[in-house]
């Protein structure tokens, strides 16, 4: 059988099949999806809220939303991108209901990156746990963008789709996040000397 120029990667076909099975009411398909993406989704949700119980609740809400909306998955993005988008919406809805603080996007969108890029050697020289502590001090908007790009290894376009902002805004947030992270790390270093 020839793989013509319109052949699709096996992963893309598998993603559409699993969502079709879920849309048809196949609970086993939902379990497969959960097994495949649960860890990544949960880790992402922990960046939006440090409350494990609340992150688990949001993950369950995400699965319910996937169950109800699987018929809408068109394959225009990867399944992971689609799932993270659903998880993000569920998280923001839940955080609003619980009246937990969410970063003001209008305030953050106006920030413009200035100055030189943070140097990679600064980050490399910092102990992992110290970096993790500094990372938690970043604004949620910055943490979220960094997690999507560097932990989940999504593209700028996929990240922009999930965050519902232009690609340029994602790039600006990443630049600002790096700068803020460097400032936190520099302040820690000065305090330690």
Protein backbone atom coordinates (compact mmCIF):
# COMPACT_ATOMS: atom_id res chain seq x y z
CA UNK A 1 0.00 0.00 0.00
CA UNK A 2 1.46 3.36 -1.03
CA UNK A 3 1.66 6.15 1.53
CA UNK A 4 0.69 8.97 -0.87
CA UNK A 5 1.41 12.59 -0.23
CA UNK A 6 -1.82 12.88 1.77
CA UNK A 7 -0.86 10.22 4.31
CA UNK A 8 -1.20 11.39 7.89
CA UNK A 9 1.09 10.53 10.77
CA UNK A 10 -0.06 7.55 12.83
CA UNK A 11 -0.22 9.73 15.95
CA UNK A 12 -2.69 12.15 14.29
CA UNK A 13 -4.89 9.27 13.18
CA UNK A 14 -4.71 7.75 16.68
CA UNK A 15 -5.69 11.09 18.25
CA UNK A 16 -8.76 11.40 16.03
CA UNK A 17 -9.70 7.76 16.68
CA UNK A 18 -9.54 8.12 20.45
CA UNK A 19 -11.64 11.29 20.39
CA UNK A 20 -14.15 9.65 18.04
CA UNK A 21 -14.41 6.70 20.42
CA UNK A 22 -14.96 9.07 23.36
CA UNK A 23 -17.59 10.98 21.37
CA UNK A 24 -19.32 7.65 20.72
CA UNK A 25 -19.50 7.00 24.48
CA UNK A 26 -16.53 4.63 24.83
CA UNK A 27 -15.43 4.96 28.47
CA UNK A 28 -12.35 2.83 27.83
CA UNK A 29 -11.15 5.42 25.31
CA UNK A 30 -11.52 8.11 27.97
CA UNK A 31 -9.46 5.93 30.34
CA UNK A 32 -6.78 5.57 27.65
CA UNK A 33 -6.71 9.32 27.14
CA UNK A 34 -6.49 9.86 30.90
CA UNK A 35 -3.61 7.39 31.24
CA UNK A 36 -1.74 9.07 28.41
CA UNK A 37 -2.20 12.73 29.43
CA UNK A 38 -3.03 12.77 33.16
CA UNK A 39 0.48 13.55 34.37
CA UNK A 40 1.09 16.38 31.89
CA UNK A 41 -2.32 17.93 32.57
CA UNK A 42 -1.96 17.66 36.34
CA UNK A 43 1.52 19.22 36.28
CA UNK A 44 0.17 22.04 34.13
CA UNK A 45 -2.73 22.62 36.53
CA UNK A 46 -0.32 22.75 39.47
CA UNK A 47 1.26 25.77 37.81
CA UNK A 48 -2.11 27.52 37.90
CA UNK A 49 -2.91 26.57 41.50
CA UNK A 50 -0.56 25.16 44.15
CA UNK A 51 -3.52 23.38 45.79
CA UNK A 52 -3.22 19.66 44.90
CA UNK A 53 -6.83 18.96 45.80
CA UNK A 54 -8.07 21.80 43.65
CA UNK A 55 -5.79 20.74 40.77
CA UNK A 56 -7.27 17.22 40.99
CA UNK A 57 -10.79 18.68 40.98
CA UNK A 58 -9.96 20.74 37.89
CA UNK A 59 -8.46 17.68 36.20
CA UNK A 60 -11.70 15.78 36.79
CA UNK A 61 -13.69 18.74 35.44
CA UNK A 62 -11.43 18.68 32.40
CA UNK A 63 -12.18 15.01 31.77
CA UNK A 64 -15.91 15.67 32.04
CA UNK A 65 -15.54 18.52 29.54
CA UNK A 66 -13.56 16.25 27.20
CA UNK A 67 -16.28 13.60 27.50
CA UNK A 68 -18.93 16.16 26.56
CA UNK A 69 -17.00 17.88 23.78
CA UNK A 70 -14.94 15.12 22.14
CA UNK A 71 -17.12 15.40 19.04
CA UNK A 72 -15.72 18.92 18.55
CA UNK A 73 -12.08 17.82 18.22
CA UNK A 74 -11.22 18.47 14.58
CA UNK A 75 -7.52 17.69 14.64
CA UNK A 76 -6.50 21.26 13.73
CA UNK A 77 -4.17 21.18 16.74
CA UNK A 78 -2.56 18.28 18.55
CA UNK A 79 -4.68 16.43 21.08
CA UNK A 80 -2.37 17.65 23.85
CA UNK A 81 -2.87 21.28 22.81
CA UNK A 82 -6.64 20.79 22.74
CA UNK A 83 -6.60 19.13 26.18
CA UNK A 84 -4.45 21.84 27.76
CA UNK A 85 -6.80 24.45 26.34
CA UNK A 86 -9.76 22.71 27.99
CA UNK A 87 -7.82 22.34 31.26
CA UNK A 88 -6.93 26.03 31.19
CA UNK A 89 -10.56 27.09 30.72
CA UNK A 90 -11.69 24.74 33.49
CA UNK A 91 -8.98 26.10 35.80
CA UNK A 92 -9.90 29.72 35.18
CA UNK A 93 -13.60 28.97 35.72
CA UNK A 94 -12.85 27.10 38.95
CA UNK A 95 -10.46 29.76 40.24
CA UNK A 96 -13.06 32.45 39.58
CA UNK A 97 -15.70 30.40 41.44
CA UNK A 98 -13.35 29.96 44.39
CA UNK A 99 -12.46 33.64 44.15
CA UNK A 100 -8.77 32.86 44.07
CA UNK A 101 -6.46 35.53 42.67
CA UNK A 102 -5.79 35.36 38.95
CA UNK A 103 -3.25 37.61 37.27
CA UNK A 104 -4.74 40.65 35.58
CA UNK A 105 -3.98 40.02 31.91
CA UNK A 106 -4.56 43.64 30.86
CA UNK A 107 -1.88 44.78 33.28
CA UNK A 108 0.57 42.15 32.07
CA UNK A 109 -0.17 42.62 28.35
CA UNK A 110 1.12 46.19 28.49
CA UNK A 111 4.58 45.16 29.61
CA UNK A 112 7.22 45.57 26.96
CA UNK A 113 10.47 43.66 26.98
CA UNK A 114 13.53 45.89 27.32
CA UNK A 115 17.21 45.27 27.83
CA UNK A 116 19.34 42.25 26.98
CA UNK A 117 18.20 38.63 27.14
CA UNK A 118 18.93 36.81 30.40
CA UNK A 119 22.02 34.71 30.07
CA UNK A 120 21.57 30.97 30.09
CA UNK A 121 24.65 30.49 32.26
CA UNK A 122 22.93 32.27 35.15
CA UNK A 123 20.11 29.74 35.12
CA UNK A 124 22.47 26.82 34.66
CA UNK A 125 24.51 27.76 37.73
CA UNK A 126 21.51 27.83 40.08
CA UNK A 127 20.55 24.69 42.01
CA UNK A 128 17.38 23.03 40.74
CA UNK A 129 15.39 23.54 43.94
CA UNK A 130 16.43 27.18 44.11
CA UNK A 131 15.26 27.62 40.52
CA UNK A 132 11.95 25.94 41.34
CA UNK A 133 11.43 28.32 44.29
CA UNK A 134 12.23 31.32 42.11
CA UNK A 135 9.89 30.00 39.41
CA UNK A 136 7.02 29.95 41.91
CA UNK A 137 7.59 33.66 42.60
CA UNK A 138 6.83 34.56 38.97
CA UNK A 139 3.45 35.97 38.01
CA UNK A 140 1.03 33.17 37.02
CA UNK A 141 0.92 34.55 33.48
CA UNK A 142 4.68 34.13 33.14
CA UNK A 143 4.76 30.69 34.76
CA UNK A 144 2.00 29.44 32.49
CA UNK A 145 3.76 30.55 29.30
CA UNK A 146 7.07 29.04 30.42
CA UNK A 147 5.45 25.73 31.35
CA UNK A 148 3.64 25.42 28.04
CA UNK A 149 6.74 26.19 25.98
CA UNK A 150 9.50 24.50 27.92
CA UNK A 151 7.85 21.75 29.95
CA UNK A 152 5.15 20.67 27.52
CA UNK A 153 7.36 21.63 24.56
CA UNK A 154 4.54 23.31 22.67
CA UNK A 155 5.25 25.73 19.85
CA UNK A 156 4.65 29.46 20.17
CA UNK A 157 1.56 29.04 17.96
CA UNK A 158 0.15 26.21 20.10
CA UNK A 159 0.84 28.21 23.25
CA UNK A 160 -0.88 31.25 21.73
CA UNK A 161 -3.89 29.11 20.84
CA UNK A 162 -4.19 27.79 24.39
CA UNK A 163 -3.71 31.20 25.99
CA UNK A 164 -6.02 32.82 23.44
CA UNK A 165 -3.51 35.57 22.65
CA UNK A 166 -1.40 36.50 19.59
CA UNK A 167 1.98 34.79 19.10
CA UNK A 168 3.70 38.13 19.70
CA UNK A 169 2.12 38.32 23.15
CA UNK A 170 3.46 34.84 23.97
CA UNK A 171 6.95 35.91 22.90
CA UNK A 172 6.68 39.06 25.01
CA UNK A 173 5.52 37.05 28.04
CA UNK A 174 8.41 34.62 27.65
CA UNK A 175 10.89 37.47 27.41
CA UNK A 176 9.38 39.16 30.47
CA UNK A 177 9.26 35.85 32.34
CA UNK A 178 12.94 35.21 31.71
CA UNK A 179 13.79 38.71 32.82
CA UNK A 180 11.66 38.40 35.97
CA UNK A 181 13.18 35.01 36.76
CA UNK A 182 16.65 36.44 36.39
CA UNK A 183 15.77 39.35 38.71
CA UNK A 184 14.48 36.93 41.36
CA UNK A 185 17.60 34.79 41.07
CA UNK A 186 19.92 37.81 41.16
CA UNK A 187 18.14 39.14 44.28
CA UNK A 188 18.52 35.73 45.96
CA UNK A 189 22.22 35.66 45.07
CA UNK A 190 22.80 39.16 46.46
CA UNK A 191 20.93 38.27 49.66
CA UNK A 192 23.07 35.15 50.06
CA UNK A 193 26.40 37.01 49.79
